[in-house]
C-alpha atoms as a PDB file:
ATOM      1  CA  MET A   1    -109.135  15.737 -42.127  1.00  0.00           C
ATOM      2  CA  LEU A   2    -108.981  12.666 -43.650  1.00  0.00           C
ATOM      3  CA  GLY A   3    -112.860  12.372 -44.090  1.00  0.00           C
ATOM      4  CA  HIS A   4    -113.108  15.683 -45.771  1.00  0.00           C
ATOM      5  CA  MET A   5    -110.720  14.801 -48.365  1.00  0.00           C
ATOM      6  CA  ASN A   6    -112.763  11.488 -49.136  1.00  0.00           C
ATOM      7  CA  LEU A   7    -115.608  13.502 -49.265  1.00  0.00           C
ATOM      8  CA  LYS A   8    -114.183  15.909 -51.943  1.00  0.00           C
ATOM      9  CA  LYS A   9    -112.953  12.620 -54.067  1.00  0.00           C
ATOM     10  CA  PHE A  10    -116.193  11.258 -54.041  1.00  0.00           C
ATOM     11  CA  LEU A  11    -117.899  14.536 -55.039  1.00  0.00           C
ATOM     12  CA  LYS A  12    -115.302  14.944 -57.994  1.00  0.00           C
ATOM     13  CA  THR A  13    -116.102  11.245 -59.161  1.00  0.00           C
ATOM     14  CA  VAL A  14    -119.781  11.676 -58.775  1.00  0.00           C
ATOM     15  CA  LYS A  15    -119.215  15.039 -60.845  1.00  0.00           C
ATOM     16  CA  LEU A  16    -117.097  13.072 -63.311  1.00  0.00           C
ATOM     17  CA  HIS A  17    -119.823  10.556 -63.853  1.00  0.00           C
ATOM     18  CA  GLU A  18    -122.863  12.520 -63.746  1.00  0.00           C
ATOM     19  CA  ASN A  19    -124.152  11.708 -67.212  1.00  0.00           C
ATOM     20  CA  GLN A  20    -124.045   8.056 -66.516  1.00  0.00           C
ATOM     21  CA  ILE A  21    -125.534   8.057 -63.007  1.00  0.00           C
ATOM     22  CA  SER A  22    -128.465  10.399 -64.700  1.00  0.00           C
ATOM     23  CA  MET A  23    -128.730   7.876 -67.360  1.00  0.00           C
ATOM     24  CA  ALA A  24    -129.149   4.795 -64.783  1.00  0.00           C
ATOM     25  CA  LEU A  25    -131.753   6.678 -62.553  1.00  0.00           C
ATOM     26  CA  GLY A  26    -133.650   7.636 -65.617  1.00  0.00           C
ATOM     27  CA  ALA A  27    -133.589   4.143 -66.826  1.00  0.00           C
ATOM     28  CA  PHE A  28    -134.734   2.908 -63.331  1.00  0.00           C
ATOM     29  CA  ILE A  29    -137.569   5.326 -63.285  1.00  0.00           C
ATOM     30  CA  LEU A  30    -138.892   4.479 -66.707  1.00  0.00           C
ATOM     31  CA  LEU A  31    -138.723   0.648 -65.546  1.00  0.00           C
ATOM     32  CA  VAL A  32    -140.847   1.219 -62.345  1.00  0.00           C
ATOM     33  CA  ALA A  33    -143.413   3.370 -64.331  1.00  0.00           C
ATOM     34  CA  ALA A  34    -143.836   0.444 -67.031  1.00  0.00           C
ATOM     35  CA  ILE A  35    -144.408  -1.930 -64.276  1.00  0.00           C
ATOM     36  CA  PHE A  36    -147.004   0.443 -62.840  1.00  0.00           C
ATOM     37  CA  VAL A  37    -148.734   0.724 -66.085  1.00  0.00           C
ATOM     38  CA  ILE A  38    -148.997  -2.894 -67.083  1.00  0.00           C
ATOM     39  CA  LYS A  39    -150.268  -3.864 -63.637  1.00  0.00           C
ATOM     40  CA  TYR A  40    -152.822  -1.046 -64.277  1.00  0.00           C
ATOM     41  CA  ILE A  41    -153.715  -2.470 -67.507  1.00  0.00           C
ATOM     42  CA  LYS A  42    -154.145  -5.893 -66.189  1.00  0.00           C
ATOM     43  CA  ASN A  43    -156.592  -4.642 -63.469  1.00  0.00           C
ATOM     44  CA  ILE A  44    -158.737  -3.111 -65.935  1.00  0.00           C
ATOM     45  CA  GLN A  45    -158.773  -6.223 -68.174  1.00  0.00           C
ATOM     46  CA  THR A  46    -159.664  -8.123 -64.979  1.00  0.00           C
ATOM     47  CA  GLN A  47    -162.511  -5.903 -64.331  1.00  0.00           C
ATOM     48  CA  ARG A  48    -163.670  -6.072 -67.783  1.00  0.00           C
ATOM     49  CA  ASN A  49    -163.908  -9.903 -67.550  1.00  0.00           C
ATOM     50  CA  GLN A  50    -165.714  -9.751 -64.535  1.00  0.00           C
ATOM     51  CA  THR A  51    -168.618  -7.354 -65.785  1.00  0.00           C
ATOM     52  CA  ASN A  52    -168.967  -9.616 -68.757  1.00  0.00           C
ATOM     53  CA  GLN A  53    -169.656 -12.452 -66.574  1.00  0.00           C
ATOM     54  CA  THR A  54    -172.811 -11.649 -64.432  1.00  0.00           C
ATOM     55  CA  GLN A  55    -174.897 -14.312 -63.076  1.00  0.00           C
ATOM     56  CA  ASN A  56    -178.592 -14.070 -63.546  1.00  0.00           C
ATOM     57  CA  GLN A  57    -181.547 -16.331 -63.129  1.00  0.00           C
ATOM     58  CA  ASN A  58    -181.602 -18.015 -66.336  1.00  0.00           C
ATOM     59  CA  GLY A  59    -177.741 -18.336 -66.614  1.00  0.00           C
ATOM     60  CA  VAL A  60    -174.522 -16.420 -67.246  1.00  0.00           C
ATOM     61  CA  VAL A  61    -175.039 -13.210 -68.976  1.00  0.00           C
ATOM     62  CA  HIS A  62    -171.908 -12.393 -71.508  1.00  0.00           C
ATOM     63  CA  THR A  63    -171.396  -9.019 -73.132  1.00  0.00           C
ATOM     64  CA  ILE A  64    -170.163  -9.575 -76.583  1.00  0.00           C
ATOM     65  CA  GLU A  65    -166.496  -7.897 -77.199  1.00  0.00           C
ATOM     66  CA  LYS A  66    -164.904  -6.943 -80.602  1.00  0.00           C
ATOM     67  CA  GLY A  67    -163.910 -10.087 -82.584  1.00  0.00           C
ATOM     68  CA  GLU A  68    -165.807 -12.483 -80.350  1.00  0.00           C
ATOM     69  CA  THR A  69    -167.966 -15.081 -82.050  1.00  0.00           C
ATOM     70  CA  LEU A  70    -170.588 -17.480 -80.884  1.00  0.00           C
ATOM     71  CA  TRP A  71    -167.847 -20.414 -81.520  1.00  0.00           C
ATOM     72  CA  SER A  72    -165.464 -18.644 -79.120  1.00  0.00           C
ATOM     73  CA  ILE A  73    -168.161 -17.726 -76.521  1.00  0.00           C
ATOM     74  CA  SER A  74    -168.867 -21.427 -76.384  1.00  0.00           C
ATOM     75  CA  GLU A  75    -165.215 -22.343 -76.147  1.00  0.00           C
ATOM     76  CA  LYS A  76    -164.919 -20.044 -73.042  1.00  0.00           C
ATOM     77  CA  TYR A  77    -168.135 -21.566 -71.336  1.00  0.00           C
ATOM     78  CA  PHE A  78    -168.395 -25.142 -72.672  1.00  0.00           C
ATOM     79  CA  ASN A  79    -164.532 -25.751 -73.192  1.00  0.00           C
ATOM     80  CA  ASN A  80    -165.344 -26.537 -76.854  1.00  0.00           C
ATOM     81  CA  GLY A  81    -166.976 -24.587 -79.882  1.00  0.00           C
ATOM     82  CA  THR A  82    -169.616 -27.008 -80.581  1.00  0.00           C
ATOM     83  CA  GLY A  83    -171.966 -25.253 -78.086  1.00  0.00           C
ATOM     84  CA  TRP A  84    -172.391 -22.347 -80.032  1.00  0.00           C
ATOM     85  CA  LYS A  85    -175.835 -23.699 -81.266  1.00  0.00           C
ATOM     86  CA  LYS A  86    -177.131 -23.944 -77.670  1.00  0.00           C
ATOM     87  CA  ILE A  87    -176.275 -20.302 -77.020  1.00  0.00           C
ATOM     88  CA  ALA A  88    -177.931 -19.115 -80.420  1.00  0.00           C
ATOM     89  CA  GLU A  89    -181.169 -21.079 -79.544  1.00  0.00           C
ATOM     90  CA  ALA A  90    -181.007 -19.457 -75.967  1.00  0.00           C
ATOM     91  CA  ASN A  91    -181.000 -16.120 -77.248  1.00  0.00           C
ATOM     92  CA  ASN A  92    -183.247 -16.526 -80.340  1.00  0.00           C
ATOM     93  CA  ILE A  93    -180.543 -15.709 -82.762  1.00  0.00           C
ATOM     94  CA  SER A  94    -181.054 -16.920 -86.179  1.00  0.00           C
ATOM     95  CA  SER A  95    -177.801 -15.543 -88.004  1.00  0.00           C
ATOM     96  CA  PRO A  96    -174.845 -16.536 -85.827  1.00  0.00           C
ATOM     97  CA  THR A  97    -172.677 -13.945 -88.086  1.00  0.00           C
ATOM     98  CA  LYS A  98    -174.663 -10.825 -87.199  1.00  0.00           C
ATOM     99  CA  LEU A  99    -173.467 -10.042 -83.239  1.00  0.00           C
ATOM    100  CA  GLU A 100    -172.926  -6.757 -82.110  1.00  0.00           C
ATOM    101  CA  VAL A 101    -170.401  -5.482 -79.771  1.00  0.00           C
ATOM    102  CA  GLY A 102    -172.003  -4.721 -76.375  1.00  0.00           C
ATOM    103  CA  GLN A 103    -175.015  -7.383 -77.159  1.00  0.00           C
ATOM    104  CA  GLN A 104    -175.641  -9.315 -74.233  1.00  0.00           C
ATOM    105  CA  LEU A 105    -176.153 -13.337 -74.375  1.00  0.00           C
ATOM    106  CA  THR A 106    -177.615 -15.207 -71.641  1.00  0.00           C
ATOM    107  CA  ILE A 107    -175.464 -18.473 -71.512  1.00  0.00           C
ATOM    108  CA  PRO A 108    -177.413 -21.603 -70.635  1.00  0.00           C
ATOM    109  CA  THR A 109    -176.226 -23.192 -67.191  1.00  0.00           C
ATOM    110  CA  ALA A 110    -177.402 -26.734 -68.072  1.00  0.00           C
ATOM    111  CA  GLU A 111    -173.670 -27.636 -69.227  1.00  0.00           C
ATOM    112  CA  ALA A 112    -171.902 -24.297 -68.903  1.00  0.00           C
ATOM    113  CA  THR A 113    -168.895 -23.964 -66.817  1.00  0.00           C
ATOM    114  CA  THR A 114    -167.323 -21.226 -65.262  1.00  0.00           C
ATOM    115  CA  ALA A 115    -164.513 -19.207 -66.898  1.00  0.00           C
ATOM    116  CA  THR A 116    -162.602 -19.374 -63.529  1.00  0.00           C
ATOM    117  CA  PRO A 117    -160.872 -22.457 -62.594  1.00  0.00           C
ATOM    118  CA  VAL A 118    -161.978 -24.451 -59.336  1.00  0.00           C
ATOM    119  CA  GLU A 119    -159.510 -25.229 -56.805  1.00  0.00           C
ATOM    120  CA  THR A 120    -159.898 -29.046 -56.100  1.00  0.00           C
ATOM    121  CA  PRO A 121    -159.021 -29.872 -52.259  1.00  0.00           C
ATOM    122  CA  GLN A 122    -155.498 -31.380 -51.122  1.00  0.00           C
ATOM    123  CA  GLU A 123    -155.442 -34.369 -49.608  1.00  0.00           C
ATOM    124  CA  THR A 124    -154.051 -34.269 -46.346  1.00  0.00           C
ATOM    125  CA  VAL A 125    -151.968 -37.487 -44.685  1.00  0.00           C
ATOM    126  CA  SER A 126    -151.548 -37.789 -41.170  1.00  0.00           C
ATOM    127  CA  PRO A 127    -148.304 -39.154 -39.890  1.00  0.00           C
ATOM    128  CA  THR A 128    -148.500 -42.753 -39.098  1.00  0.00           C
ATOM    129  CA  PRO A 129    -147.574 -43.590 -35.430  1.00  0.00           C
ATOM    130  CA  LYS A 130    -144.502 -45.360 -35.077  1.00  0.00           C
ATOM    131  CA  GLY A 131    -144.777 -48.520 -32.639  1.00  0.00           C
END
């Protein structure tokens, strides 16, 4: 009988706070959905970056995206903008201000660096024997 009374009291409390409980659950669901959307967008951006950097025999092929300039592309591959002239020469570009979205450029590999960081091996130290 005591358990039955506690259940009634609990259900009455839930009924009184039904609006607050619904709001909290709704906010939680929105938060979870937002996390999934953000992860999905980041995944799409990662895939786009990977397709923009494909390797060919002459160097890296880069597909121009909206807002990119030879200077910004040079910064990406050479870690400074001054390499834009090398990119222009490699692609026979006479007017560097007339780039088109979707245009593919060959990035010379002689001095180009990859856009992804390279991990350096960690040195391991073995314990010295006590003696």
